[in-house]
C-alpha atoms as a PDB file:
ATOM      1  CA  UNK A   1     -42.835  26.832  45.994  1.00  0.00           C
ATOM      2  CA  UNK A   2     -43.580  25.590  49.531  1.00  0.00           C
ATOM      3  CA  UNK A   3     -43.818  21.944  50.547  1.00  0.00           C
ATOM      4  CA  UNK A   4     -44.811  20.122  53.729  1.00  0.00           C
ATOM      5  CA  UNK A   5     -41.700  19.121  55.680  1.00  0.00           C
ATOM      6  CA  UNK A   6     -43.071  18.196  59.108  1.00  0.00           C
ATOM      7  CA  UNK A   7     -45.272  19.189  62.034  1.00  0.00           C
ATOM      8  CA  UNK A   8     -45.021  21.838  64.758  1.00  0.00           C
ATOM      9  CA  UNK A   9     -45.675  21.320  68.475  1.00  0.00           C
ATOM     10  CA  UNK A  10     -49.411  21.732  67.879  1.00  0.00           C
ATOM     11  CA  UNK A  11     -49.488  19.041  65.202  1.00  0.00           C
ATOM     12  CA  UNK A  12     -49.933  21.542  62.377  1.00  0.00           C
ATOM     13  CA  UNK A  13     -48.064  21.007  59.128  1.00  0.00           C
ATOM     14  CA  UNK A  14     -44.898  23.008  58.543  1.00  0.00           C
ATOM     15  CA  UNK A  15     -44.213  24.360  55.064  1.00  0.00           C
ATOM     16  CA  UNK A  16     -40.803  25.349  53.711  1.00  0.00           C
ATOM     17  CA  UNK A  17     -39.727  26.922  50.425  1.00  0.00           C
ATOM     18  CA  UNK A  18     -37.577  24.755  48.174  1.00  0.00           C
ATOM     19  CA  UNK A  19     -35.287  27.572  46.989  1.00  0.00           C
ATOM     20  CA  UNK A  20     -31.888  25.800  47.034  1.00  0.00           C
ATOM     21  CA  UNK A  21     -29.975  29.048  47.491  1.00  0.00           C
ATOM     22  CA  UNK A  22     -31.848  29.897  50.687  1.00  0.00           C
ATOM     23  CA  UNK A  23     -31.344  26.531  52.356  1.00  0.00           C
ATOM     24  CA  UNK A  24     -28.547  25.362  54.607  1.00  0.00           C
ATOM     25  CA  UNK A  25     -26.994  21.896  54.064  1.00  0.00           C
ATOM     26  CA  UNK A  26     -29.323  20.177  56.538  1.00  0.00           C
ATOM     27  CA  UNK A  27     -32.389  22.031  55.246  1.00  0.00           C
ATOM     28  CA  UNK A  28     -31.489  21.118  51.661  1.00  0.00           C
ATOM     29  CA  UNK A  29     -31.590  17.447  52.619  1.00  0.00           C
ATOM     30  CA  UNK A  30     -35.003  17.639  54.285  1.00  0.00           C
ATOM     31  CA  UNK A  31     -37.096  14.725  52.914  1.00  0.00           C
ATOM     32  CA  UNK A  32     -40.379  15.710  51.278  1.00  0.00           C
ATOM     33  CA  UNK A  33     -43.023  12.995  50.795  1.00  0.00           C
ATOM     34  CA  UNK A  34     -45.341  12.511  47.824  1.00  0.00           C
ATOM     35  CA  UNK A  35     -48.000  10.026  46.807  1.00  0.00           C
ATOM     36  CA  UNK A  36     -46.575   7.462  44.381  1.00  0.00           C
ATOM     37  CA  UNK A  37     -49.175   8.578  41.849  1.00  0.00           C
ATOM     38  CA  UNK A  38     -46.933  11.565  41.153  1.00  0.00           C
ATOM     39  CA  UNK A  39     -45.036   9.229  38.810  1.00  0.00           C
ATOM     40  CA  UNK A  40     -48.061   8.452  36.617  1.00  0.00           C
ATOM     41  CA  UNK A  41     -47.403  11.451  34.360  1.00  0.00           C
ATOM     42  CA  UNK A  42     -43.889  10.178  33.676  1.00  0.00           C
ATOM     43  CA  UNK A  43     -44.792   6.524  33.143  1.00  0.00           C
ATOM     44  CA  UNK A  44     -47.532   7.578  30.729  1.00  0.00           C
ATOM     45  CA  UNK A  45     -45.095   9.556  28.572  1.00  0.00           C
ATOM     46  CA  UNK A  46     -42.059   7.290  27.982  1.00  0.00           C
ATOM     47  CA  UNK A  47     -41.102   9.234  24.858  1.00  0.00           C
ATOM     48  CA  UNK A  48     -40.272  12.213  27.087  1.00  0.00           C
ATOM     49  CA  UNK A  49     -39.593  10.838  30.559  1.00  0.00           C
ATOM     50  CA  UNK A  50     -37.869   7.850  32.127  1.00  0.00           C
ATOM     51  CA  UNK A  51     -38.172   6.661  35.715  1.00  0.00           C
ATOM     52  CA  UNK A  52     -34.987   4.921  36.800  1.00  0.00           C
ATOM     53  CA  UNK A  53     -33.884   3.475  40.116  1.00  0.00           C
ATOM     54  CA  UNK A  54     -33.454   6.604  42.300  1.00  0.00           C
ATOM     55  CA  UNK A  55     -33.582   9.012  39.367  1.00  0.00           C
ATOM     56  CA  UNK A  56     -36.197  10.724  37.197  1.00  0.00           C
ATOM     57  CA  UNK A  57     -35.258  12.030  33.744  1.00  0.00           C
ATOM     58  CA  UNK A  58     -36.948  14.463  31.420  1.00  0.00           C
ATOM     59  CA  UNK A  59     -34.940  13.563  28.344  1.00  0.00           C
ATOM     60  CA  UNK A  60     -32.444  16.244  27.278  1.00  0.00           C
ATOM     61  CA  UNK A  61     -33.960  18.798  29.686  1.00  0.00           C
ATOM     62  CA  UNK A  62     -33.549  17.861  33.344  1.00  0.00           C
ATOM     63  CA  UNK A  63     -33.067  15.052  35.825  1.00  0.00           C
ATOM     64  CA  UNK A  64     -33.772  14.762  39.548  1.00  0.00           C
ATOM     65  CA  UNK A  65     -32.701  12.291  42.253  1.00  0.00           C
ATOM     66  CA  UNK A  66     -35.705  10.591  43.857  1.00  0.00           C
ATOM     67  CA  UNK A  67     -36.272   7.895  46.434  1.00  0.00           C
ATOM     68  CA  UNK A  68     -38.641   5.492  44.685  1.00  0.00           C
ATOM     69  CA  UNK A  69     -37.719   2.541  46.887  1.00  0.00           C
ATOM     70  CA  UNK A  70     -40.512   3.096  49.423  1.00  0.00           C
ATOM     71  CA  UNK A  71     -43.703   1.083  48.994  1.00  0.00           C
ATOM     72  CA  UNK A  72     -46.182   3.920  49.577  1.00  0.00           C
ATOM     73  CA  UNK A  73     -44.324   7.128  48.832  1.00  0.00           C
ATOM     74  CA  UNK A  74     -41.873   8.934  46.612  1.00  0.00           C
ATOM     75  CA  UNK A  75     -39.423  11.042  48.607  1.00  0.00           C
ATOM     76  CA  UNK A  76     -37.333  13.938  47.298  1.00  0.00           C
ATOM     77  CA  UNK A  77     -34.942  16.200  49.167  1.00  0.00           C
ATOM     78  CA  UNK A  78     -36.357  19.713  49.534  1.00  0.00           C
ATOM     79  CA  UNK A  79     -33.367  21.339  47.857  1.00  0.00           C
ATOM     80  CA  UNK A  80     -33.526  18.990  44.875  1.00  0.00           C
ATOM     81  CA  UNK A  81     -37.096  20.086  44.164  1.00  0.00           C
ATOM     82  CA  UNK A  82     -35.927  23.672  43.793  1.00  0.00           C
ATOM     83  CA  UNK A  83     -32.644  22.848  42.097  1.00  0.00           C
ATOM     84  CA  UNK A  84     -33.903  20.551  39.346  1.00  0.00           C
ATOM     85  CA  UNK A  85     -37.563  21.391  38.689  1.00  0.00           C
ATOM     86  CA  UNK A  86     -39.118  24.360  36.927  1.00  0.00           C
ATOM     87  CA  UNK A  87     -41.826  26.283  38.772  1.00  0.00           C
ATOM     88  CA  UNK A  88     -44.586  24.591  36.748  1.00  0.00           C
ATOM     89  CA  UNK A  89     -43.109  21.167  37.490  1.00  0.00           C
ATOM     90  CA  UNK A  90     -42.877  22.064  41.180  1.00  0.00           C
ATOM     91  CA  UNK A  91     -46.580  22.991  41.076  1.00  0.00           C
ATOM     92  CA  UNK A  92     -47.352  19.546  39.636  1.00  0.00           C
ATOM     93  CA  UNK A  93     -45.447  17.811  42.438  1.00  0.00           C
ATOM     94  CA  UNK A  94     -47.100  19.998  45.069  1.00  0.00           C
ATOM     95  CA  UNK A  95     -50.431  18.480  44.091  1.00  0.00           C
ATOM     96  CA  UNK A  96     -49.172  15.099  45.380  1.00  0.00           C
ATOM     97  CA  UNK A  97     -47.348  16.398  48.468  1.00  0.00           C
ATOM     98  CA  UNK A  98     -48.320  14.567  51.667  1.00  0.00           C
ATOM     99  CA  UNK A  99     -47.296  14.789  55.289  1.00  0.00           C
ATOM    100  CA  UNK A 100     -43.995  13.071  56.165  1.00  0.00           C
ATOM    101  CA  UNK A 101     -44.435   9.438  57.158  1.00  0.00           C
ATOM    102  CA  UNK A 102     -41.281   7.702  58.304  1.00  0.00           C
ATOM    103  CA  UNK A 103     -37.826   8.040  56.798  1.00  0.00           C
ATOM    104  CA  UNK A 104     -36.211   7.640  53.419  1.00  0.00           C
ATOM    105  CA  UNK A 105     -35.606   4.072  52.283  1.00  0.00           C
ATOM    106  CA  UNK A 106     -32.541   2.156  53.428  1.00  0.00           C
ATOM    107  CA  UNK A 107     -31.401   1.990  49.806  1.00  0.00           C
ATOM    108  CA  UNK A 108     -31.567   5.760  49.328  1.00  0.00           C
ATOM    109  CA  UNK A 109     -29.871   6.370  52.678  1.00  0.00           C
ATOM    110  CA  UNK A 110     -26.947   4.119  51.763  1.00  0.00           C
ATOM    111  CA  UNK A 111     -26.562   5.658  48.325  1.00  0.00           C
ATOM    112  CA  UNK A 112     -26.972   9.294  49.434  1.00  0.00           C
ATOM    113  CA  UNK A 113     -25.104   9.373  52.730  1.00  0.00           C
ATOM    114  CA  UNK A 114     -22.995   6.219  53.043  1.00  0.00           C
ATOM    115  CA  UNK A 115     -21.697   6.258  49.459  1.00  0.00           C
ATOM    116  CA  UNK A 116     -22.247   2.534  49.191  1.00  0.00           C
ATOM    117  CA  UNK A 117     -23.805   0.321  46.519  1.00  0.00           C
ATOM    118  CA  UNK A 118     -27.226  -0.780  47.679  1.00  0.00           C
ATOM    119  CA  UNK A 119     -29.696  -3.041  45.857  1.00  0.00           C
ATOM    120  CA  UNK A 120     -33.183  -1.677  45.140  1.00  0.00           C
ATOM    121  CA  UNK A 121     -35.984  -2.590  47.535  1.00  0.00           C
ATOM    122  CA  UNK A 122     -39.029  -2.196  45.292  1.00  0.00           C
ATOM    123  CA  UNK A 123     -39.771  -5.396  43.322  1.00  0.00           C
ATOM    124  CA  UNK A 124     -40.105  -3.642  39.957  1.00  0.00           C
ATOM    125  CA  UNK A 125     -36.712  -1.952  40.297  1.00  0.00           C
ATOM    126  CA  UNK A 126     -35.138  -5.166  41.608  1.00  0.00           C
ATOM    127  CA  UNK A 127     -36.598  -7.152  38.702  1.00  0.00           C
ATOM    128  CA  UNK A 128     -35.262  -4.704  36.104  1.00  0.00           C
ATOM    129  CA  UNK A 129     -31.779  -4.790  37.607  1.00  0.00           C
ATOM    130  CA  UNK A 130     -31.785  -8.569  37.940  1.00  0.00           C
ATOM    131  CA  UNK A 131     -33.035  -9.415  34.448  1.00  0.00           C
ATOM    132  CA  UNK A 132     -30.475  -7.093  32.843  1.00  0.00           C
ATOM    133  CA  UNK A 133     -27.670  -8.763  34.815  1.00  0.00           C
ATOM    134  CA  UNK A 134     -29.027 -12.231  34.096  1.00  0.00           C
ATOM    135  CA  UNK A 135     -29.390 -11.550  30.375  1.00  0.00           C
ATOM    136  CA  UNK A 136     -25.815 -10.311  30.129  1.00  0.00           C
ATOM    137  CA  UNK A 137     -24.463 -13.188  32.219  1.00  0.00           C
ATOM    138  CA  UNK A 138     -26.285 -15.780  30.116  1.00  0.00           C
ATOM    139  CA  UNK A 139     -24.993 -14.280  26.875  1.00  0.00           C
ATOM    140  CA  UNK A 140     -21.408 -14.163  28.133  1.00  0.00           C
ATOM    141  CA  UNK A 141     -21.579 -17.789  29.292  1.00  0.00           C
ATOM    142  CA  UNK A 142     -23.473 -19.397  26.408  1.00  0.00           C
ATOM    143  CA  UNK A 143     -23.035 -16.958  23.520  1.00  0.00           C
ATOM    144  CA  UNK A 144     -26.756 -16.358  22.991  1.00  0.00           C
ATOM    145  CA  UNK A 145     -29.617 -14.629  24.750  1.00  0.00           C
ATOM    146  CA  UNK A 146     -32.217 -16.654  26.632  1.00  0.00           C
ATOM    147  CA  UNK A 147     -34.504 -13.619  26.511  1.00  0.00           C
ATOM    148  CA  UNK A 148     -34.045 -11.662  23.310  1.00  0.00           C
ATOM    149  CA  UNK A 149     -33.588  -7.898  23.816  1.00  0.00           C
ATOM    150  CA  UNK A 150     -36.715  -5.906  23.072  1.00  0.00           C
ATOM    151  CA  UNK A 151     -36.889  -4.081  19.765  1.00  0.00           C
ATOM    152  CA  UNK A 152     -36.828  -0.294  20.004  1.00  0.00           C
ATOM    153  CA  UNK A 153     -40.616   0.107  19.444  1.00  0.00           C
ATOM    154  CA  UNK A 154     -41.209  -2.262  22.380  1.00  0.00           C
ATOM    155  CA  UNK A 155     -38.619  -0.841  24.781  1.00  0.00           C
ATOM    156  CA  UNK A 156     -41.258   1.227  26.580  1.00  0.00           C
ATOM    157  CA  UNK A 157     -42.708  -2.019  27.970  1.00  0.00           C
ATOM    158  CA  UNK A 158     -39.494  -2.364  29.978  1.00  0.00           C
ATOM    159  CA  UNK A 159     -38.917   1.279  30.883  1.00  0.00           C
ATOM    160  CA  UNK A 160     -42.506   1.794  32.117  1.00  0.00           C
ATOM    161  CA  UNK A 161     -42.841  -1.492  33.999  1.00  0.00           C
ATOM    162  CA  UNK A 162     -43.763  -0.645  37.589  1.00  0.00           C
ATOM    163  CA  UNK A 163     -45.712  -1.725  40.623  1.00  0.00           C
ATOM    164  CA  UNK A 164     -49.221  -0.366  39.943  1.00  0.00           C
ATOM    165  CA  UNK A 165     -49.761   3.073  41.438  1.00  0.00           C
ATOM    166  CA  UNK A 166     -53.444   2.414  42.102  1.00  0.00           C
ATOM    167  CA  UNK A 167     -56.122  -0.313  41.936  1.00  0.00           C
ATOM    168  CA  UNK A 168     -56.883   0.596  38.312  1.00  0.00           C
ATOM    169  CA  UNK A 169     -57.593  -2.536  36.197  1.00  0.00           C
ATOM    170  CA  UNK A 170     -56.218  -0.734  33.138  1.00  0.00           C
ATOM    171  CA  UNK A 171     -52.880  -0.116  34.821  1.00  0.00           C
ATOM    172  CA  UNK A 172     -52.704  -3.700  36.098  1.00  0.00           C
ATOM    173  CA  UNK A 173     -53.417  -5.098  32.632  1.00  0.00           C
ATOM    174  CA  UNK A 174     -50.689  -2.945  31.120  1.00  0.00           C
ATOM    175  CA  UNK A 175     -48.164  -4.343  33.617  1.00  0.00           C
ATOM    176  CA  UNK A 176     -49.259  -7.904  32.803  1.00  0.00           C
ATOM    177  CA  UNK A 177     -48.768  -7.173  29.108  1.00  0.00           C
ATOM    178  CA  UNK A 178     -45.364  -5.635  29.780  1.00  0.00           C
ATOM    179  CA  UNK A 179     -44.168  -8.665  31.758  1.00  0.00           C
ATOM    180  CA  UNK A 180     -45.257 -11.079  29.042  1.00  0.00           C
ATOM    181  CA  UNK A 181     -43.492  -8.991  26.398  1.00  0.00           C
ATOM    182  CA  UNK A 182     -40.274  -8.838  28.436  1.00  0.00           C
ATOM    183  CA  UNK A 183     -40.196 -12.513  29.431  1.00  0.00           C
ATOM    184  CA  UNK A 184     -42.514 -14.917  27.612  1.00  0.00           C
ATOM    185  CA  UNK A 185     -42.626 -13.253  24.189  1.00  0.00           C
ATOM    186  CA  UNK A 186     -38.857 -12.755  24.363  1.00  0.00           C
ATOM    187  CA  UNK A 187     -37.925 -16.409  24.950  1.00  0.00           C
ATOM    188  CA  UNK A 188     -35.324 -17.239  22.316  1.00  0.00           C
ATOM    189  CA  UNK A 189     -37.203 -20.145  20.747  1.00  0.00           C
ATOM    190  CA  UNK A 190     -34.848 -20.477  17.775  1.00  0.00           C
ATOM    191  CA  UNK A 191     -31.738 -20.963  19.895  1.00  0.00           C
ATOM    192  CA  UNK A 192     -33.551 -23.292  22.311  1.00  0.00           C
ATOM    193  CA  UNK A 193     -34.958 -25.407  19.461  1.00  0.00           C
ATOM    194  CA  UNK A 194     -31.448 -25.917  18.136  1.00  0.00           C
ATOM    195  CA  UNK A 195     -30.335 -27.240  21.516  1.00  0.00           C
ATOM    196  CA  UNK A 196     -33.042 -29.695  22.531  1.00  0.00           C
ATOM    197  CA  UNK A 197     -32.883 -33.264  21.276  1.00  0.00           C
ATOM    198  CA  UNK A 198     -36.586 -34.002  20.977  1.00  0.00           C
ATOM    199  CA  UNK A 199     -37.664 -30.809  19.247  1.00  0.00           C
ATOM    200  CA  UNK A 200     -41.426 -30.673  18.711  1.00  0.00           C
ATOM    201  CA  UNK A 201     -42.687 -28.107  16.242  1.00  0.00           C
ATOM    202  CA  UNK A 202     -45.980 -27.939  18.129  1.00  0.00           C
ATOM    203  CA  UNK A 203     -44.249 -26.815  21.305  1.00  0.00           C
ATOM    204  CA  UNK A 204     -44.631 -23.155  22.212  1.00  0.00           C
ATOM    205  CA  UNK A 205     -42.156 -20.873  23.971  1.00  0.00           C
ATOM    206  CA  UNK A 206     -42.720 -21.989  27.555  1.00  0.00           C
ATOM    207  CA  UNK A 207     -42.903 -25.659  26.541  1.00  0.00           C
ATOM    208  CA  UNK A 208     -39.605 -25.339  24.663  1.00  0.00           C
ATOM    209  CA  UNK A 209     -38.000 -23.639  27.640  1.00  0.00           C
ATOM    210  CA  UNK A 210     -39.215 -26.374  29.987  1.00  0.00           C
ATOM    211  CA  UNK A 211     -37.864 -29.096  27.670  1.00  0.00           C
ATOM    212  CA  UNK A 212     -34.506 -27.317  27.447  1.00  0.00           C
ATOM    213  CA  UNK A 213     -34.175 -26.939  31.225  1.00  0.00           C
ATOM    214  CA  UNK A 214     -35.134 -30.576  31.718  1.00  0.00           C
ATOM    215  CA  UNK A 215     -32.566 -31.835  29.203  1.00  0.00           C
ATOM    216  CA  UNK A 216     -29.897 -29.629  30.775  1.00  0.00           C
ATOM    217  CA  UNK A 217     -30.598 -31.169  34.175  1.00  0.00           C
ATOM    218  CA  UNK A 218     -31.488 -27.851  35.789  1.00  0.00           C
ATOM    219  CA  UNK A 219     -32.924 -28.292  39.286  1.00  0.00           C
ATOM    220  CA  UNK A 220     -35.823 -26.275  40.722  1.00  0.00           C
ATOM    221  CA  UNK A 221     -37.172 -24.814  37.504  1.00  0.00           C
ATOM    222  CA  UNK A 222     -40.732 -26.081  38.103  1.00  0.00           C
ATOM    223  CA  UNK A 223     -41.845 -23.057  40.125  1.00  0.00           C
ATOM    224  CA  UNK A 224     -40.556 -20.677  37.460  1.00  0.00           C
ATOM    225  CA  UNK A 225     -42.321 -22.530  34.657  1.00  0.00           C
ATOM    226  CA  UNK A 226     -45.499 -22.463  36.745  1.00  0.00           C
ATOM    227  CA  UNK A 227     -45.173 -18.692  37.145  1.00  0.00           C
ATOM    228  CA  UNK A 228     -44.711 -18.241  33.397  1.00  0.00           C
ATOM    229  CA  UNK A 229     -47.778 -20.354  32.641  1.00  0.00           C
ATOM    230  CA  UNK A 230     -49.860 -18.399  35.157  1.00  0.00           C
ATOM    231  CA  UNK A 231     -48.654 -15.133  33.639  1.00  0.00           C
ATOM    232  CA  UNK A 232     -49.475 -16.355  30.128  1.00  0.00           C
ATOM    233  CA  UNK A 233     -52.912 -17.479  31.267  1.00  0.00           C
ATOM    234  CA  UNK A 234     -53.533 -14.128  32.948  1.00  0.00           C
ATOM    235  CA  UNK A 235     -52.556 -12.266  29.795  1.00  0.00           C
ATOM    236  CA  UNK A 236     -54.862 -14.463  27.725  1.00  0.00           C
ATOM    237  CA  UNK A 237     -57.846 -14.303  30.083  1.00  0.00           C
ATOM    238  CA  UNK A 238     -57.604 -10.696  31.271  1.00  0.00           C
ATOM    239  CA  UNK A 239     -55.767  -8.717  28.603  1.00  0.00           C
ATOM    240  CA  UNK A 240     -55.750 -10.302  25.151  1.00  0.00           C
ATOM    241  CA  UNK A 241     -59.373 -11.458  24.988  1.00  0.00           C
ATOM    242  CA  UNK A 242     -62.823 -10.587  26.294  1.00  0.00           C
ATOM    243  CA  UNK A 243     -63.084 -11.252  30.007  1.00  0.00           C
ATOM    244  CA  UNK A 244     -65.253 -14.085  31.271  1.00  0.00           C
ATOM    245  CA  UNK A 245     -65.787 -15.810  34.596  1.00  0.00           C
ATOM    246  CA  UNK A 246     -62.299 -17.361  34.426  1.00  0.00           C
END
C-alpha cells in the first residue's frame, strides 16, 4: 500500500510503499500523516480496540506505535504501517492519509529517538495519566480512593475518553458523559461522609467533596469545585434531559 510522504520539486505529492522489508532505516521512519478521524473506528469499538498514549491495540491480534500527541493529526512511521497492519487495515488508514504538515510531536520524538520519558501533550492523554497517578497516590496516603475505580461494564468510559474528533454534538455529549462517570459519579461519598463533622444527608457528591476539602483546610479548591458543578450542569442540561434554551 502506498502513502503520501512528502512533495517533489513541483509541489506534487510523493507516494511510497510501506513494505517494511523494502525500506532502509531512514525510510522506515518516514512520518506519515492522517486525519485524527482515523481513530473513530477504534474508539467506537472498545471491546476490540484500545487507543493508548502512543499506541493502538487490536486486542490479541496486533498493536502499532502511533503519535497521537498532535492536535490535528495522527502520525505513524511508514514502516510501522507495513509491519503491523494487514492489507485491509492499511486500506482503511489510506482513506485518512493527508499531506505531511509539520513534524512529529515533541513527546513522540523524545520517546522514539531520545529514549527519554516524556509526558503526553494532548489533554485527554494527560488527564488519563494524571488521574491514574492521583488515584493511586491518594489511596497510598489515605487508605481509600477519592474517586472509586470504575466497574468493568463502565471501563469503556475511561478507555474511550478523547478530545472530540469532529464538531459532532453526539461525540461531544458522549465525552461529557464519560467525564461525569469518571469524576463526579465516582466520588467516594461513603468514605467522605465518614470523615466530615457536619454530615448532611441531603448533600450530594460535589457538596460532600466541598465540605470535606473545607474541613481539611485545603487551599485553592474553589476553581475545581466550580468546574465539577459546570460539568454536572452540562451533563444535566445537554445529555441527561431534553435540551432547552439553557
